[in-house]
Amino acid sequence: MAMLLRPAIVVFAALTCVCGIVYPLAVTAIGKAAFPAQAAGSLVMQGGQVVGSRLVGQSFTSPRYFWGRPSATAPMPYNGSASGGSNQGPLNPALREAVRGRLAALRAADPGNVAPVPVDLVTASASGLDPDISLAGAQYQAARVARARGIDAGRVRVLVEQHAERPLLGVLGEPRVNVLALNLALDAR
């Protein structure tokens, strides 16, 4: 029995060291060397302070700012420890009510805007932490932001276009705008 148990324990200990210690440390070291900003969380610094991450959405509620996608993380919006979608299907009454409420909030914030509301402004992403909105979602909000800041809407639309990230290789994905980067650019003006 000891002859069978000893090799099993040695293999278990060796695999634990390799898979649980050596491999994670090696991958972390390579990641930090090859992609230092991404390995550190793609943090956005301003004035020596961390103001957010390019990878995690933040909650903006002032009319002076562009608003991101709704977050399904509760009770706090964009709560990274509660990442995950609501798993509510299109026929779910709770989802319909949530969308109606979000539509009403968007319409109340900009009553003169009669354009169709882009779907990403009223539905949460799968992670509930999406940092980006569609280009249409940003353009939909441009007039409200311009009015709240007292600047020309055309200038805000140009700023949106300047911060638009195009599809990878021109075909993979949709044009999108990072909400934090856009709002920081607005503040910098």
N, C-alpha and C. Protein backbone atom coordinates (compact mmCIF):
# COMPACT_ATOMS: atom_id res chain seq x y z
N MET A 1 0.82 -1.19 0.00
CA MET A 1 0.00 0.00 0.00
C MET A 1 0.86 1.25 0.00
N ALA A 2 1.93 1.29 0.80
CA ALA A 2 2.82 2.44 0.86
C ALA A 2 3.51 2.66 -0.48
N MET A 3 3.75 1.55 -1.21
CA MET A 3 4.39 1.67 -2.53
C MET A 3 3.48 2.41 -3.52
N LEU A 4 2.18 2.28 -3.37
CA LEU A 4 1.24 2.96 -4.26
C LEU A 4 0.96 4.40 -3.79
N LEU A 5 0.96 4.59 -2.51
CA LEU A 5 0.63 5.89 -1.95
C LEU A 5 1.74 6.92 -2.14
N ARG A 6 2.97 6.50 -1.97
CA ARG A 6 4.11 7.42 -2.07
C ARG A 6 4.20 8.07 -3.45
N PRO A 7 4.18 7.34 -4.57
CA PRO A 7 4.24 8.00 -5.88
C PRO A 7 3.04 8.93 -6.13
N ALA A 8 1.89 8.55 -5.63
CA ALA A 8 0.71 9.40 -5.82
C ALA A 8 0.88 10.72 -5.09
N ILE A 9 1.41 10.70 -3.89
CA ILE A 9 1.63 11.93 -3.12
C ILE A 9 2.70 12.79 -3.78
N VAL A 10 3.76 12.16 -4.28
CA VAL A 10 4.83 12.91 -4.95
C VAL A 10 4.30 13.59 -6.22
N VAL A 11 3.54 12.87 -7.02
CA VAL A 11 2.96 13.45 -8.24
C VAL A 11 1.99 14.57 -7.88
N PHE A 12 1.18 14.36 -6.86
CA PHE A 12 0.24 15.39 -6.42
C PHE A 12 0.99 16.66 -6.00
N ALA A 13 2.03 16.51 -5.19
CA ALA A 13 2.81 17.65 -4.71
C ALA A 13 3.52 18.36 -5.87
N ALA A 14 4.08 17.58 -6.80
CA ALA A 14 4.78 18.18 -7.95
C ALA A 14 3.80 18.95 -8.83
N LEU A 15 2.66 18.36 -9.13
CA LEU A 15 1.68 19.05 -9.97
C LEU A 15 1.10 20.28 -9.28
N THR A 16 0.93 20.21 -7.97
CA THR A 16 0.45 21.37 -7.22
C THR A 16 1.45 22.51 -7.32
N CYS A 17 2.73 22.21 -7.18
CA CYS A 17 3.76 23.25 -7.29
C CYS A 17 3.82 23.83 -8.70
N VAL A 18 3.82 22.95 -9.70
CA VAL A 18 3.93 23.42 -11.08
C VAL A 18 2.68 24.19 -11.49
N CYS A 19 1.51 23.61 -11.27
CA CYS A 19 0.27 24.23 -11.75
C CYS A 19 -0.25 25.34 -10.83
N GLY A 20 0.08 25.28 -9.56
CA GLY A 20 -0.45 26.25 -8.61
C GLY A 20 0.50 27.37 -8.25
N ILE A 21 1.80 27.19 -8.53
CA ILE A 21 2.77 28.21 -8.15
C ILE A 21 3.62 28.65 -9.35
N VAL A 22 4.33 27.72 -9.95
CA VAL A 22 5.27 28.06 -11.01
C VAL A 22 4.55 28.64 -12.24
N TYR A 23 3.54 27.95 -12.74
CA TYR A 23 2.84 28.41 -13.94
C TYR A 23 2.17 29.78 -13.73
N PRO A 24 1.39 30.00 -12.65
CA PRO A 24 0.79 31.33 -12.45
C PRO A 24 1.83 32.44 -12.33
N LEU A 25 2.94 32.19 -11.64
CA LEU A 25 3.99 33.21 -11.53
C LEU A 25 4.62 33.50 -12.88
N ALA A 26 4.85 32.46 -13.68
CA ALA A 26 5.45 32.66 -15.01
C ALA A 26 4.52 33.45 -15.92
N VAL A 27 3.23 33.10 -15.93
CA VAL A 27 2.27 33.81 -16.76
C VAL A 27 2.14 35.27 -16.31
N THR A 28 2.12 35.51 -15.02
CA THR A 28 2.04 36.87 -14.49
C THR A 28 3.28 37.67 -14.88
N ALA A 29 4.45 37.09 -14.76
CA ALA A 29 5.69 37.79 -15.12
C ALA A 29 5.73 38.11 -16.61
N ILE A 30 5.35 37.17 -17.44
CA ILE A 30 5.32 37.40 -18.90
C ILE A 30 4.29 38.48 -19.23
N GLY A 31 3.12 38.41 -18.62
CA GLY A 31 2.09 39.41 -18.87
C GLY A 31 2.54 40.80 -18.48
N LYS A 32 3.18 40.92 -17.33
CA LYS A 32 3.66 42.23 -16.88
C LYS A 32 4.78 42.76 -17.76
N ALA A 33 5.61 41.86 -18.28
CA ALA A 33 6.71 42.30 -19.15
C ALA A 33 6.20 42.69 -20.53
N ALA A 34 5.30 41.89 -21.10
CA ALA A 34 4.85 42.12 -22.47
C ALA A 34 3.72 43.16 -22.55
N PHE A 35 2.84 43.18 -21.56
CA PHE A 35 1.68 44.08 -21.58
C PHE A 35 1.51 44.74 -20.20
N PRO A 36 2.39 45.66 -19.85
CA PRO A 36 2.35 46.21 -18.49
C PRO A 36 1.05 46.95 -18.14
N ALA A 37 0.52 47.74 -19.06
CA ALA A 37 -0.71 48.48 -18.76
C ALA A 37 -1.90 47.55 -18.61
N GLN A 38 -2.02 46.59 -19.51
CA GLN A 38 -3.14 45.66 -19.44
C GLN A 38 -3.04 44.77 -18.21
N ALA A 39 -1.84 44.33 -17.87
CA ALA A 39 -1.67 43.47 -16.70
C ALA A 39 -2.01 44.20 -15.41
N ALA A 40 -1.88 45.51 -15.43
CA ALA A 40 -2.20 46.31 -14.25
C ALA A 40 -3.67 46.72 -14.22
N GLY A 41 -4.47 46.23 -15.17
CA GLY A 41 -5.90 46.51 -15.16
C GLY A 41 -6.33 47.63 -16.10
N SER A 42 -5.45 48.06 -16.99
CA SER A 42 -5.75 49.16 -17.92
C SER A 42 -6.28 50.37 -17.18
N LEU A 43 -5.62 50.72 -16.09
CA LEU A 43 -6.06 51.83 -15.25
C LEU A 43 -5.85 53.16 -15.95
N VAL A 44 -6.78 54.07 -15.75
CA VAL A 44 -6.70 55.41 -16.32
C VAL A 44 -6.30 56.35 -15.19
N MET A 45 -5.17 57.03 -15.40
CA MET A 45 -4.64 57.94 -14.38
C MET A 45 -4.90 59.38 -14.82
N GLN A 46 -5.18 60.23 -13.84
CA GLN A 46 -5.35 61.65 -14.11
C GLN A 46 -4.86 62.40 -12.88
N GLY A 47 -3.86 63.22 -13.08
CA GLY A 47 -3.29 63.97 -11.96
C GLY A 47 -2.70 63.07 -10.89
N GLY A 48 -2.13 61.94 -11.30
CA GLY A 48 -1.53 61.01 -10.35
C GLY A 48 -2.52 60.14 -9.60
N GLN A 49 -3.79 60.26 -9.93
CA GLN A 49 -4.84 59.48 -9.27
C GLN A 49 -5.50 58.53 -10.27
N VAL A 50 -5.87 57.36 -9.80
CA VAL A 50 -6.62 56.43 -10.63
C VAL A 50 -8.07 56.91 -10.68
N VAL A 51 -8.57 57.10 -11.91
CA VAL A 51 -9.95 57.55 -12.07
C VAL A 51 -10.85 56.45 -12.63
N GLY A 52 -10.27 55.33 -12.97
CA GLY A 52 -11.07 54.23 -13.49
C GLY A 52 -10.22 53.28 -14.31
N SER A 53 -10.90 52.42 -15.01
CA SER A 53 -10.25 51.44 -15.89
C SER A 53 -10.92 51.51 -17.25
N ARG A 54 -10.13 51.31 -18.30
CA ARG A 54 -10.71 51.28 -19.65
C ARG A 54 -11.55 50.03 -19.86
N LEU A 55 -11.45 49.06 -18.95
CA LEU A 55 -12.11 47.78 -19.13
C LEU A 55 -13.38 47.60 -18.32
N VAL A 56 -13.63 48.50 -17.38
CA VAL A 56 -14.80 48.37 -16.51
C VAL A 56 -15.59 49.67 -16.55
N GLY A 57 -16.88 49.57 -16.80
CA GLY A 57 -17.73 50.74 -16.87
C GLY A 57 -17.85 51.43 -15.52
N GLN A 58 -18.15 52.71 -15.57
CA GLN A 58 -18.39 53.49 -14.37
C GLN A 58 -19.77 54.13 -14.47
N SER A 59 -20.31 54.47 -13.33
CA SER A 59 -21.64 55.05 -13.30
C SER A 59 -21.55 56.57 -13.40
N PHE A 60 -22.09 57.11 -14.49
CA PHE A 60 -22.20 58.56 -14.67
C PHE A 60 -23.68 58.88 -14.69
N THR A 61 -24.11 59.80 -13.84
CA THR A 61 -25.54 60.12 -13.76
C THR A 61 -25.83 61.59 -14.07
N SER A 62 -24.83 62.44 -14.05
CA SER A 62 -25.03 63.85 -14.33
C SER A 62 -25.34 64.04 -15.82
N PRO A 63 -26.24 64.97 -16.15
CA PRO A 63 -26.52 65.24 -17.56
C PRO A 63 -25.31 65.80 -18.31
N ARG A 64 -24.29 66.27 -17.58
CA ARG A 64 -23.07 66.80 -18.19
C ARG A 64 -22.19 65.72 -18.77
N TYR A 65 -22.51 64.46 -18.48
CA TYR A 65 -21.67 63.34 -18.92
C TYR A 65 -22.46 62.38 -19.80
N PHE A 66 -21.71 61.67 -20.63
CA PHE A 66 -22.30 60.57 -21.38
C PHE A 66 -22.55 59.43 -20.41
N TRP A 67 -23.66 58.76 -20.56
CA TRP A 67 -24.01 57.64 -19.70
C TRP A 67 -23.67 56.34 -20.41
N GLY A 68 -23.17 55.40 -19.65
CA GLY A 68 -22.82 54.10 -20.22
C GLY A 68 -24.02 53.17 -20.26
N ARG A 69 -23.74 51.93 -20.61
CA ARG A 69 -24.80 50.93 -20.62
C ARG A 69 -25.29 50.69 -19.21
N PRO A 70 -26.56 50.37 -19.06
CA PRO A 70 -27.04 50.02 -17.73
C PRO A 70 -26.30 48.77 -17.22
N SER A 71 -26.11 48.71 -15.94
CA SER A 71 -25.42 47.57 -15.35
C SER A 71 -26.42 46.67 -14.63
N ALA A 72 -26.27 45.36 -14.83
CA ALA A 72 -27.14 44.40 -14.16
C ALA A 72 -26.60 44.01 -12.79
N THR A 73 -25.46 44.61 -12.40
CA THR A 73 -24.89 44.28 -11.09
C THR A 73 -25.64 45.08 -10.03
N ALA A 74 -26.01 44.42 -9.00
CA ALA A 74 -26.80 45.07 -7.96
C ALA A 74 -26.19 44.78 -6.61
N PRO A 75 -26.39 45.60 -5.62
CA PRO A 75 -27.22 46.80 -5.59
C PRO A 75 -26.51 48.03 -6.16
N MET A 76 -25.21 47.96 -6.37
CA MET A 76 -24.43 49.08 -6.85
C MET A 76 -24.18 48.93 -8.35
N PRO A 77 -24.33 49.99 -9.15
CA PRO A 77 -23.99 49.84 -10.56
C PRO A 77 -22.49 49.64 -10.75
N TYR A 78 -22.13 48.82 -11.70
CA TYR A 78 -20.75 48.51 -12.05
C TYR A 78 -19.97 47.96 -10.86
N ASN A 79 -20.59 47.02 -10.17
CA ASN A 79 -19.98 46.35 -9.04
C ASN A 79 -19.23 45.13 -9.57
N GLY A 80 -17.91 45.21 -9.65
CA GLY A 80 -17.10 44.15 -10.24
C GLY A 80 -17.23 42.82 -9.54
N SER A 81 -17.53 42.82 -8.26
CA SER A 81 -17.65 41.55 -7.54
C SER A 81 -18.98 40.86 -7.82
N ALA A 82 -19.90 41.55 -8.49
CA ALA A 82 -21.20 40.95 -8.82
C ALA A 82 -21.38 40.85 -10.34
N SER A 83 -20.26 40.72 -11.05
CA SER A 83 -20.32 40.70 -12.51
C SER A 83 -21.21 39.57 -13.01
N GLY A 84 -22.03 39.91 -13.96
CA GLY A 84 -22.92 38.93 -14.58
C GLY A 84 -24.17 39.61 -15.07
N GLY A 85 -24.75 39.04 -16.07
CA GLY A 85 -25.98 39.59 -16.62
C GLY A 85 -27.18 39.23 -15.77
N SER A 86 -28.31 39.76 -16.15
CA SER A 86 -29.53 39.48 -15.40
C SER A 86 -30.15 38.16 -15.81
N ASN A 87 -29.73 37.62 -16.97
CA ASN A 87 -30.29 36.38 -17.52
C ASN A 87 -31.79 36.47 -17.78
N GLN A 88 -32.29 37.67 -18.01
CA GLN A 88 -33.70 37.86 -18.33
C GLN A 88 -33.85 37.85 -19.84
N GLY A 89 -34.74 36.99 -20.31
CA GLY A 89 -34.98 36.87 -21.73
C GLY A 89 -35.89 37.97 -22.24
N PRO A 90 -36.04 38.10 -23.57
CA PRO A 90 -36.83 39.18 -24.14
C PRO A 90 -38.31 39.13 -23.79
N LEU A 91 -38.80 37.97 -23.36
CA LEU A 91 -40.22 37.86 -23.00
C LEU A 91 -40.45 38.03 -21.50
N ASN A 92 -39.39 38.23 -20.75
CA ASN A 92 -39.49 38.38 -19.30
C ASN A 92 -40.11 39.73 -18.95
N PRO A 93 -41.20 39.74 -18.18
CA PRO A 93 -41.84 41.02 -17.80
C PRO A 93 -40.91 41.94 -17.01
N ALA A 94 -40.00 41.38 -16.21
CA ALA A 94 -39.08 42.21 -15.43
C ALA A 94 -38.13 42.97 -16.36
N LEU A 95 -37.68 42.33 -17.42
CA LEU A 95 -36.81 43.00 -18.38
C LEU A 95 -37.58 44.11 -19.10
N ARG A 96 -38.79 43.81 -19.49
CA ARG A 96 -39.60 44.83 -20.17
C ARG A 96 -39.80 46.05 -19.27
N GLU A 97 -40.08 45.83 -18.00
CA GLU A 97 -40.27 46.95 -17.06
C GLU A 97 -38.97 47.74 -16.89
N ALA A 98 -37.85 47.02 -16.79
CA ALA A 98 -36.55 47.70 -16.64
C ALA A 98 -36.26 48.56 -17.87
N VAL A 99 -36.53 48.03 -19.05
CA VAL A 99 -36.30 48.79 -20.29
C VAL A 99 -37.22 50.00 -20.35
N ARG A 100 -38.48 49.82 -19.97
CA ARG A 100 -39.42 50.96 -19.96
C ARG A 100 -38.92 52.06 -19.02
N GLY A 101 -38.46 51.65 -17.84
CA GLY A 101 -37.93 52.63 -16.89
C GLY A 101 -36.70 53.35 -17.43
N ARG A 102 -35.81 52.63 -18.09
CA ARG A 102 -34.61 53.24 -18.66
C ARG A 102 -34.97 54.18 -19.80
N LEU A 103 -35.94 53.77 -20.62
CA LEU A 103 -36.41 54.65 -21.70
C LEU A 103 -37.00 55.94 -21.14
N ALA A 104 -37.80 55.80 -20.10
CA ALA A 104 -38.42 56.98 -19.48
C ALA A 104 -37.35 57.91 -18.92
N ALA A 105 -36.30 57.36 -18.31
CA ALA A 105 -35.23 58.19 -17.75
C ALA A 105 -34.48 58.92 -18.86
N LEU A 106 -34.22 58.23 -19.98
CA LEU A 106 -33.54 58.88 -21.10
C LEU A 106 -34.40 59.99 -21.71
N ARG A 107 -35.69 59.71 -21.86
CA ARG A 107 -36.59 60.71 -22.43
C ARG A 107 -36.75 61.91 -21.48
N ALA A 108 -36.78 61.67 -20.18
CA ALA A 108 -36.91 62.76 -19.21
C ALA A 108 -35.65 63.63 -19.19
N ALA A 109 -34.49 63.02 -19.38
CA ALA A 109 -33.24 63.77 -19.38
C ALA A 109 -33.08 64.62 -20.62
N ASP A 110 -33.74 64.22 -21.72
CA ASP A 110 -33.62 64.95 -22.98
C ASP A 110 -34.97 64.90 -23.71
N PRO A 111 -35.97 65.63 -23.19
CA PRO A 111 -37.33 65.52 -23.73
C PRO A 111 -37.46 65.94 -25.19
N GLY A 112 -36.58 66.78 -25.70
CA GLY A 112 -36.67 67.22 -27.08
C GLY A 112 -36.12 66.21 -28.08
N ASN A 113 -35.44 65.19 -27.58
CA ASN A 113 -34.82 64.20 -28.47
C ASN A 113 -35.87 63.15 -28.86
N VAL A 114 -36.26 63.17 -30.13
CA VAL A 114 -37.28 62.22 -30.59
C VAL A 114 -36.67 61.08 -31.41
N ALA A 115 -35.35 61.03 -31.48
CA ALA A 115 -34.67 59.97 -32.22
C ALA A 115 -34.90 58.62 -31.52
N PRO A 116 -34.85 57.53 -32.28
CA PRO A 116 -34.97 56.21 -31.65
C PRO A 116 -33.80 56.00 -30.67
N VAL A 117 -34.11 55.42 -29.53
CA VAL A 117 -33.08 55.17 -28.51
C VAL A 117 -32.31 53.91 -28.89
N PRO A 118 -30.99 53.99 -29.01
CA PRO A 118 -30.19 52.80 -29.31
C PRO A 118 -30.36 51.75 -28.21
N VAL A 119 -30.43 50.50 -28.61
CA VAL A 119 -30.74 49.42 -27.68
C VAL A 119 -29.71 49.29 -26.56
N ASP A 120 -28.45 49.63 -26.82
CA ASP A 120 -27.44 49.46 -25.78
C ASP A 120 -27.60 50.45 -24.63
N LEU A 121 -28.40 51.49 -24.80
CA LEU A 121 -28.64 52.44 -23.71
C LEU A 121 -29.73 51.99 -22.76
N VAL A 122 -30.47 50.94 -23.13
CA VAL A 122 -31.56 50.47 -22.27
C VAL A 122 -31.41 49.00 -21.85
N THR A 123 -30.39 48.32 -22.36
CA THR A 123 -30.17 46.91 -21.98
C THR A 123 -28.76 46.75 -21.43
N ALA A 124 -28.62 45.90 -20.43
CA ALA A 124 -27.32 45.64 -19.82
C ALA A 124 -26.54 44.65 -20.67
N SER A 125 -25.22 44.73 -20.58
CA SER A 125 -24.37 43.78 -21.28
C SER A 125 -24.33 42.47 -20.52
N ALA A 126 -23.72 41.46 -21.11
CA ALA A 126 -23.65 40.14 -20.47
C ALA A 126 -22.88 40.18 -19.16
N SER A 127 -21.84 41.00 -19.08
CA SER A 127 -21.06 41.08 -17.85
C SER A 127 -21.65 42.07 -16.86
N GLY A 128 -22.42 43.02 -17.37
CA GLY A 128 -22.93 44.08 -16.52
C GLY A 128 -21.90 45.15 -16.22
N LEU A 129 -20.72 45.06 -16.86
CA LEU A 129 -19.62 45.98 -16.59
C LEU A 129 -19.07 46.63 -17.85
N ASP A 130 -19.83 46.64 -18.92
CA ASP A 130 -19.35 47.10 -20.22
C ASP A 130 -18.93 48.57 -20.16
N PRO A 131 -17.67 48.88 -20.55
CA PRO A 131 -17.20 50.25 -20.51
C PRO A 131 -17.54 51.07 -21.76
N ASP A 132 -18.05 50.40 -22.78
CA ASP A 132 -18.29 51.06 -24.06
C ASP A 132 -19.78 51.16 -24.37
N ILE A 133 -20.10 52.15 -25.20
CA ILE A 133 -21.43 52.24 -25.80
C ILE A 133 -21.24 52.33 -27.30
N SER A 134 -22.30 52.08 -28.01
CA SER A 134 -22.22 52.17 -29.47
C SER A 134 -22.03 53.62 -29.89
N LEU A 135 -21.53 53.80 -31.09
CA LEU A 135 -21.39 55.14 -31.63
C LEU A 135 -22.76 55.82 -31.70
N ALA A 136 -23.78 55.06 -32.05
CA ALA A 136 -25.15 55.60 -32.09
C ALA A 136 -25.60 56.03 -30.69
N GLY A 137 -25.24 55.25 -29.67
CA GLY A 137 -25.60 55.59 -28.30
C GLY A 137 -24.95 56.89 -27.84
N ALA A 138 -23.70 57.11 -28.27
CA ALA A 138 -23.02 58.35 -27.91
C ALA A 138 -23.61 59.53 -28.67
N GLN A 139 -23.88 59.34 -29.96
CA GLN A 139 -24.45 60.43 -30.75
C GLN A 139 -25.86 60.79 -30.24
N TYR A 140 -26.60 59.79 -29.77
CA TYR A 140 -27.94 60.06 -29.22
C TYR A 140 -27.86 61.01 -28.02
N GLN A 141 -26.80 60.90 -27.23
CA GLN A 141 -26.67 61.71 -26.01
C GLN A 141 -25.96 63.04 -26.22
N ALA A 142 -25.37 63.26 -27.39
CA ALA A 142 -24.52 64.43 -27.64
C ALA A 142 -25.24 65.75 -27.38
N ALA A 143 -26.47 65.89 -27.84
CA ALA A 143 -27.20 67.16 -27.66
C ALA A 143 -27.45 67.45 -26.18
N ARG A 144 -27.82 66.42 -25.41
CA ARG A 144 -28.07 66.62 -23.97
C ARG A 144 -26.80 67.07 -23.26
N VAL A 145 -25.68 66.41 -23.57
CA VAL A 145 -24.41 66.75 -22.93
C VAL A 145 -23.99 68.17 -23.32
N ALA A 146 -24.14 68.51 -24.59
CA ALA A 146 -23.77 69.86 -25.05
C ALA A 146 -24.62 70.93 -24.36
N ARG A 147 -25.90 70.69 -24.25
CA ARG A 147 -26.79 71.64 -23.58
C ARG A 147 -26.41 71.80 -22.12
N ALA A 148 -26.14 70.70 -21.44
CA ALA A 148 -25.80 70.76 -20.01
C ALA A 148 -24.47 71.46 -19.77
N ARG A 149 -23.56 71.41 -20.74
CA ARG A 149 -22.25 72.04 -20.60
C ARG A 149 -22.20 73.43 -21.23
N GLY A 150 -23.27 73.79 -21.96
CA GLY A 150 -23.29 75.10 -22.60
C GLY A 150 -22.32 75.22 -23.76
N ILE A 151 -22.11 74.14 -24.49
CA ILE A 151 -21.23 74.18 -25.66
C ILE A 151 -22.00 73.73 -26.89
N ASP A 152 -21.43 73.96 -28.04
CA ASP A 152 -22.07 73.62 -29.30
C ASP A 152 -22.17 72.10 -29.47
N ALA A 153 -23.34 71.63 -29.86
CA ALA A 153 -23.56 70.18 -30.04
C ALA A 153 -22.67 69.62 -31.13
N GLY A 154 -22.36 70.41 -32.14
CA GLY A 154 -21.47 69.95 -33.21
C GLY A 154 -20.08 69.63 -32.69
N ARG A 155 -19.60 70.43 -31.76
CA ARG A 155 -18.27 70.17 -31.16
C ARG A 155 -18.29 68.88 -30.36
N VAL A 156 -19.39 68.63 -29.68
CA VAL A 156 -19.49 67.39 -28.90
C VAL A 156 -19.55 66.19 -29.85
N ARG A 157 -20.27 66.31 -30.95
CA ARG A 157 -20.34 65.21 -31.93
C ARG A 157 -18.97 64.92 -32.54
N VAL A 158 -18.21 65.97 -32.80
CA VAL A 158 -16.84 65.79 -33.32
C VAL A 158 -15.99 65.07 -32.28
N LEU A 159 -16.13 65.42 -31.02
CA LEU A 159 -15.38 64.76 -29.96
C LEU A 159 -15.76 63.27 -29.88
N VAL A 160 -17.04 62.98 -30.05
CA VAL A 160 -17.49 61.58 -30.06
C VAL A 160 -16.81 60.84 -31.21
N GLU A 161 -16.80 61.43 -32.39
CA GLU A 161 -16.17 60.79 -33.55
C GLU A 161 -14.67 60.58 -33.33
N GLN A 162 -14.03 61.54 -32.67
CA GLN A 162 -12.60 61.41 -32.40
C GLN A 162 -12.30 60.27 -31.43
N HIS A 163 -13.25 59.95 -30.55
CA HIS A 163 -13.03 58.89 -29.57
C HIS A 163 -13.65 57.55 -29.99
N ALA A 164 -14.19 57.51 -31.19
CA ALA A 164 -14.79 56.26 -31.66
C ALA A 164 -13.69 55.24 -31.97
N GLU A 165 -13.91 54.04 -31.53
CA GLU A 165 -13.01 52.93 -31.84
C GLU A 165 -13.67 52.11 -32.93
N ARG A 166 -12.99 51.99 -34.04
CA ARG A 166 -13.55 51.30 -35.20
C ARG A 166 -13.39 49.79 -35.06
N PRO A 167 -14.16 49.02 -35.83
CA PRO A 167 -14.04 47.55 -35.77
C PRO A 167 -12.62 47.09 -36.11
N LEU A 168 -12.19 46.03 -35.47
CA LEU A 168 -10.89 45.45 -35.72
C LEU A 168 -10.82 44.97 -37.16
N LEU A 169 -9.79 45.37 -37.87
CA LEU A 169 -9.60 45.04 -39.30
C LEU A 169 -10.76 45.51 -40.16
N GLY A 170 -11.53 46.45 -39.64
CA GLY A 170 -12.63 47.01 -40.39
C GLY A 170 -13.89 46.16 -40.43
N VAL A 171 -13.85 44.94 -39.87
CA VAL A 171 -15.03 44.07 -39.94
C VAL A 171 -15.40 43.39 -38.63
N LEU A 172 -14.48 43.28 -37.70
CA LEU A 172 -14.75 42.55 -36.47
C LEU A 172 -15.25 43.49 -35.38
N GLY A 173 -16.53 43.38 -35.05
CA GLY A 173 -17.12 44.21 -34.02
C GLY A 173 -17.87 45.39 -34.61
N GLU A 174 -18.31 46.25 -33.75
CA GLU A 174 -19.08 47.44 -34.12
C GLU A 174 -18.31 48.68 -33.66
N PRO A 175 -18.54 49.81 -34.32
CA PRO A 175 -17.93 51.05 -33.81
C PRO A 175 -18.44 51.32 -32.39
N ARG A 176 -17.54 51.73 -31.51
CA ARG A 176 -17.92 51.93 -30.11
C ARG A 176 -17.12 53.09 -29.53
N VAL A 177 -17.56 53.54 -28.37
CA VAL A 177 -16.91 54.65 -27.69
C VAL A 177 -16.74 54.27 -26.23
N ASN A 178 -15.52 54.45 -25.71
CA ASN A 178 -15.28 54.21 -24.30
C ASN A 178 -15.82 55.41 -23.53
N VAL A 179 -16.78 55.18 -22.66
CA VAL A 179 -17.49 56.26 -21.97
C VAL A 179 -16.55 57.04 -21.04
N LEU A 180 -15.69 56.36 -20.31
CA LEU A 180 -14.78 57.05 -19.40
C LEU A 180 -13.83 57.96 -20.19
N ALA A 181 -13.24 57.45 -21.26
CA ALA A 181 -12.31 58.26 -22.06
C ALA A 181 -13.02 59.48 -22.65
N LEU A 182 -14.23 59.30 -23.13
CA LEU A 182 -14.99 60.40 -23.70
C LEU A 182 -15.32 61.45 -22.64
N ASN A 183 -15.75 61.01 -21.47
CA ASN A 183 -16.09 61.96 -20.40
C ASN A 183 -14.86 62.70 -19.88
N LEU A 184 -13.73 62.01 -19.82
CA LEU A 184 -12.50 62.69 -19.40
C LEU A 184 -12.08 63.72 -20.44
N ALA A 185 -12.27 63.41 -21.72
CA ALA A 185 -11.96 64.37 -22.78
C ALA A 185 -12.87 65.59 -22.69
N LEU A 186 -14.13 65.38 -22.33
CA LEU A 186 -15.05 66.50 -22.14
C LEU A 186 -14.59 67.40 -20.99
N ASP A 187 -14.17 66.77 -19.89
CA ASP A 187 -13.70 67.55 -18.74
C ASP A 187 -12.43 68.32 -19.05
N ALA A 188 -11.61 67.77 -19.93
CA ALA A 188 -10.34 68.41 -20.27
C ALA A 188 -10.53 69.66 -21.13
N ARG A 189 -11.68 69.80 -21.75
CA ARG A 189 -11.94 70.96 -22.62
C ARG A 189 -12.12 72.21 -21.79
